[in-house]
Protein backbone atom coordinates (compact mmCIF):
# COMPACT_ATOMS: atom_id res chain seq x y z
CA UNK A 1 -15.27 16.80 8.64
CA UNK A 2 -13.19 13.96 7.54
CA UNK A 3 -12.33 13.24 3.97
CA UNK A 4 -15.03 10.90 2.38
CA UNK A 5 -12.68 7.96 2.29
CA UNK A 6 -11.85 8.46 5.95
CA UNK A 7 -15.48 8.74 6.87
CA UNK A 8 -15.95 5.38 4.89
CA UNK A 9 -13.17 3.49 6.79
CA UNK A 10 -14.45 4.83 10.03
CA UNK A 11 -17.98 3.47 9.55
CA UNK A 12 -17.20 0.37 7.47
CA UNK A 13 -17.70 -2.84 9.05
CA UNK A 14 -14.67 -4.43 10.62
CA UNK A 15 -13.60 -6.97 7.98
CA UNK A 16 -14.11 -4.16 5.25
CA UNK A 17 -11.86 -1.76 7.17
CA UNK A 18 -9.19 -4.42 7.82
CA UNK A 19 -9.29 -5.67 4.20
CA UNK A 20 -9.05 -2.14 3.16
CA UNK A 21 -6.21 -1.21 5.49
CA UNK A 22 -4.43 -4.36 3.99
CA UNK A 23 -3.99 -2.64 0.75
CA UNK A 24 -1.74 -0.23 2.75
CA UNK A 25 0.28 -2.34 4.84
CA UNK A 26 0.54 -6.51 4.94
CA UNK A 27 1.34 -6.66 8.42
CA UNK A 28 -1.84 -8.09 10.17
CA UNK A 29 -0.73 -6.71 13.57
CA UNK A 30 -0.62 -3.12 11.91
CA UNK A 31 -4.21 -3.65 10.09
CA UNK A 32 -5.75 -4.77 13.22
CA UNK A 33 -4.31 -1.97 15.30
CA UNK A 34 -5.44 0.44 12.84
CA UNK A 35 -8.80 -0.86 12.76
CA UNK A 36 -9.19 -1.01 16.48
CA UNK A 37 -8.52 2.61 16.99
CA UNK A 38 -11.26 3.88 14.62
CA UNK A 39 -12.78 6.37 14.34
CA UNK A 40 -9.98 8.77 13.11
CA UNK A 41 -11.25 12.59 12.81
CA UNK A 42 -8.86 13.76 10.81
CA UNK A 43 -6.38 12.66 8.15
CA UNK A 44 -3.57 13.85 10.42
CA UNK A 45 -4.54 11.68 13.17
CA UNK A 46 -5.07 8.58 10.99
CA UNK A 47 -1.45 9.23 9.52
CA UNK A 48 -0.23 9.76 13.54
CA UNK A 49 -1.59 6.53 14.58
CA UNK A 50 -0.18 4.76 11.48
CA UNK A 51 3.26 6.03 12.55
CA UNK A 52 2.76 4.76 15.89
CA UNK A 53 1.59 1.28 14.75
CA UNK A 54 4.50 1.22 12.41
CA UNK A 55 7.11 2.03 15.08
CA UNK A 56 6.00 -0.82 17.05
CA UNK A 57 6.22 -3.23 14.30
CA UNK A 58 8.58 -6.42 15.28
CA UNK A 59 10.77 -8.05 13.30
CA UNK A 60 8.48 -10.77 12.54
CA UNK A 61 5.47 -8.19 11.48
CA UNK A 62 8.06 -6.22 9.17
CA UNK A 63 8.94 -9.34 7.29
CA UNK A 64 5.20 -9.98 6.84
CA UNK A 65 4.61 -6.54 5.65
CA UNK A 66 7.49 -7.13 2.98
CA UNK A 67 6.17 -10.34 2.11
CA UNK A 68 3.29 -8.53 0.15
CA UNK A 69 5.84 -6.06 -1.37
CA UNK A 70 7.03 -6.10 -4.95
CA UNK A 71 9.40 -4.17 -6.89
CA UNK A 72 7.71 -2.13 -9.65
CA UNK A 73 9.60 -0.81 -12.67
CA UNK A 74 10.38 2.93 -12.84
CA UNK A 75 8.90 5.19 -15.54
CA UNK A 76 10.99 4.52 -18.95
CA UNK A 77 13.56 7.17 -18.36
CA UNK A 78 17.45 6.82 -18.64
CA UNK A 79 19.38 4.78 -21.04
CA UNK A 80 19.59 1.14 -21.41
CA UNK A 81 22.96 1.13 -19.28
CA UNK A 82 21.24 2.58 -16.23
CA UNK A 83 18.25 0.27 -16.51
CA UNK A 84 20.49 -2.83 -16.65
CA UNK A 85 22.43 -1.63 -13.57
CA UNK A 86 19.28 -0.94 -12.06
CA UNK A 87 18.14 -4.75 -12.43
CA UNK A 88 21.16 -6.00 -11.36
CA UNK A 89 21.35 -4.26 -8.44
CA UNK A 90 17.39 -5.29 -7.21
CA UNK A 91 18.81 -8.73 -8.14
CA UNK A 92 21.89 -8.10 -5.71
CA UNK A 93 19.69 -6.55 -3.22
CA UNK A 94 16.88 -9.40 -3.07
CA UNK A 95 19.68 -12.06 -2.80
CA UNK A 96 21.29 -10.38 0.14
CA UNK A 97 18.21 -9.43 2.11
CA UNK A 98 15.64 -12.01 0.79
CA UNK A 99 12.81 -8.96 0.06
CA UNK A 100 11.94 -6.63 -2.44
CA UNK A 101 13.73 -3.32 -2.21
CA UNK A 102 11.31 -0.46 -1.10
CA UNK A 103 11.91 3.10 -1.33
CA UNK A 104 9.86 6.27 -0.94
CA UNK A 105 10.35 8.54 -3.77
CA UNK A 106 7.57 11.28 -3.00
CA UNK A 107 9.96 13.96 -3.03
CA UNK A 108 11.62 13.08 -6.46
CA UNK A 109 10.28 14.22 -10.00
CA UNK A 110 10.13 11.23 -12.81
CA UNK A 111 13.55 12.35 -13.85
CA UNK A 112 15.59 12.07 -10.59
CA UNK A 113 13.66 8.93 -9.67
CA UNK A 114 16.08 6.38 -11.59
CA UNK A 115 19.06 8.06 -10.14
CA UNK A 116 18.16 8.21 -6.33
CA UNK A 117 16.95 4.61 -6.66
CA UNK A 118 20.29 3.57 -8.06
CA UNK A 119 22.33 5.85 -5.54
CA UNK A 120 20.03 4.26 -2.75
CA UNK A 121 20.34 0.58 -3.75
CA UNK A 122 24.37 0.74 -3.79
CA UNK A 123 24.19 2.55 -0.43
CA UNK A 124 21.77 0.02 1.21
CA UNK A 125 23.57 -3.03 -0.46
CA UNK A 126 26.57 -2.15 2.10
CA UNK A 127 24.55 -2.48 5.02
CA UNK A 128 24.26 -5.30 7.55
CA UNK A 129 20.93 -6.92 7.96
CA UNK A 130 20.01 -5.18 11.34
CA UNK A 131 20.92 -1.39 9.78
CA UNK A 132 19.15 -2.29 6.49
CA UNK A 133 15.87 -3.73 8.36
CA UNK A 134 15.54 -0.30 10.07
CA UNK A 135 16.03 1.65 6.79
CA UNK A 136 13.65 -0.48 5.19
CA UNK A 137 10.94 -0.22 8.02
CA UNK A 138 11.43 3.73 7.70
CA UNK A 139 10.73 3.68 3.98
CA UNK A 140 7.88 1.18 4.28
CA UNK A 141 6.37 3.55 6.90
CA UNK A 142 6.53 6.63 4.54
CA UNK A 143 4.91 4.45 1.76
CA UNK A 144 2.01 3.35 4.00
CA UNK A 145 1.43 6.91 4.93
CA UNK A 146 1.26 7.84 1.30
CA UNK A 147 -1.07 4.93 0.57
CA UNK A 148 -3.42 5.93 3.69
CA UNK A 149 -3.56 9.59 1.88
CA UNK A 150 -4.89 7.97 -1.28
CA UNK A 151 -7.32 5.69 0.84
CA UNK A 152 -8.78 8.64 2.97
CA UNK A 153 -9.38 10.56 -0.43
CA UNK A 154 -11.10 7.96 -2.15
CA UNK A 155 -14.84 7.39 -2.83
CA UNK A 156 -14.99 3.62 -1.88
CA UNK A 157 -13.15 1.05 -0.20
CA UNK A 158 -10.89 -1.21 -2.35
CA UNK A 159 -10.18 -4.16 0.15
CA UNK A 160 -7.34 -6.58 -0.14
CA UNK A 161 -8.41 -10.11 0.04
CA UNK A 162 -11.89 -9.84 -1.21
CA UNK A 163 -11.06 -8.94 -4.78
CA UNK A 164 -12.24 -5.71 -5.26
CA UNK A 165 -14.97 -5.87 -2.19
CA UNK A 166 -16.27 -2.16 -2.28
CA UNK A 167 -17.67 0.16 0.59
CA UNK A 168 -20.09 1.49 0.35
CA UNK A 169 -22.13 -0.69 -2.27
CA UNK A 170 -24.34 1.29 -4.73
CA UNK A 171 -27.43 2.74 -3.23
CA UNK A 172 -29.61 1.95 -6.27
CA UNK A 173 -30.68 -1.81 -6.65
CA UNK A 174 -29.66 -3.18 -9.94
CA UNK A 175 -27.69 -0.06 -10.80
CA UNK A 176 -24.49 -0.72 -12.94
CA UNK A 177 -21.36 -1.36 -10.74
CA UNK A 178 -18.28 1.10 -10.92
CA UNK A 179 -15.77 0.18 -13.21
CA UNK A 180 -12.50 -1.25 -11.61
CA UNK A 181 -9.99 1.71 -10.96
CA UNK A 182 -6.54 1.50 -12.20
CA UNK A 183 -3.79 1.06 -9.23
CA UNK A 184 -3.02 4.69 -8.42
CA UNK A 185 0.73 5.99 -8.63
CA UNK A 186 2.34 5.64 -5.33
CA UNK A 187 3.69 9.26 -4.69
CA UNK A 188 7.02 8.42 -6.28
CA UNK A 189 7.37 5.08 -4.22
CA UNK A 190 8.91 2.13 -6.04
CA UNK A 191 6.27 0.10 -4.66
CA UNK A 192 3.47 2.38 -5.73
CA UNK A 193 0.39 0.92 -5.64
CA UNK A 194 -1.15 -1.61 -2.95
CA UNK A 195 1.02 -4.70 -2.06
CA UNK A 196 0.45 -7.98 -3.90
CA UNK A 197 -2.77 -9.62 -4.12
CA UNK A 198 -5.02 -6.49 -4.51
CA UNK A 199 -5.75 -6.57 -8.01
CA UNK A 200 -9.43 -5.44 -8.70
CA UNK A 201 -12.19 -7.65 -10.25
CA UNK A 202 -15.84 -7.11 -9.43
CA UNK A 203 -17.04 -8.69 -5.99
CA UNK A 204 -18.55 -6.26 -3.95
CA UNK A 205 -19.91 -5.84 -0.15
CA UNK A 206 -23.86 -5.20 -0.10
CA UNK A 207 -23.76 -3.60 3.49
CA UNK A 208 -25.69 -6.62 4.89
CA UNK A 209 -22.98 -9.06 5.36
CA UNK A 210 -22.68 -10.61 2.04
CA UNK A 211 -20.46 -10.60 -1.13
CA UNK A 212 -21.76 -10.37 -4.43
CA UNK A 213 -20.87 -10.66 -7.76
CA UNK A 214 -22.57 -7.98 -10.44
CA UNK A 215 -24.92 -9.82 -12.95
CA UNK A 216 -25.60 -12.87 -10.47
CA UNK A 217 -28.75 -13.32 -8.44
């Protein structure tokens, strides 16, 4: 039996599944492909399909996905000089490549994250555009896998573009809505949560083709 979140993704209406998958990757082509290939019997099949879709992204698809990413500050570790160097390196990176720096830190502990990020930033600043595009695409693929793992384990489907649309809706009429969930950590990723534009509010999918707001008739 697939994990609860994966079962929900398999059975959700197309619009809900697409919105949920946009919280994992901002490429519309990736999202459409992942939605069309449902159902996924296991987490492994979901991740394999995600890898295949990621490898097929064009430069334009990658640009679209990166436009939704934002650099997130690391935990407050290290001294002031290290964090000052980190901010300067981020600024130089974004000025050169015109997109946020993304890195998967799932294998790094909090104490290592700052050093690994600084080292990677300085290395990647020396890349030409084509070389850095390949490295960025690989890092984004890994980050998407981490987000999909969280999605597959969830008990509802947060959906990008519908401001906390959730599936399935509450089964009891008039029952209190579930509280918004905090953005999950990203397996050490420098872009831990979903892409920009996914902040939760209290709108829900009611299972009958309507978007509802708790407290309104």
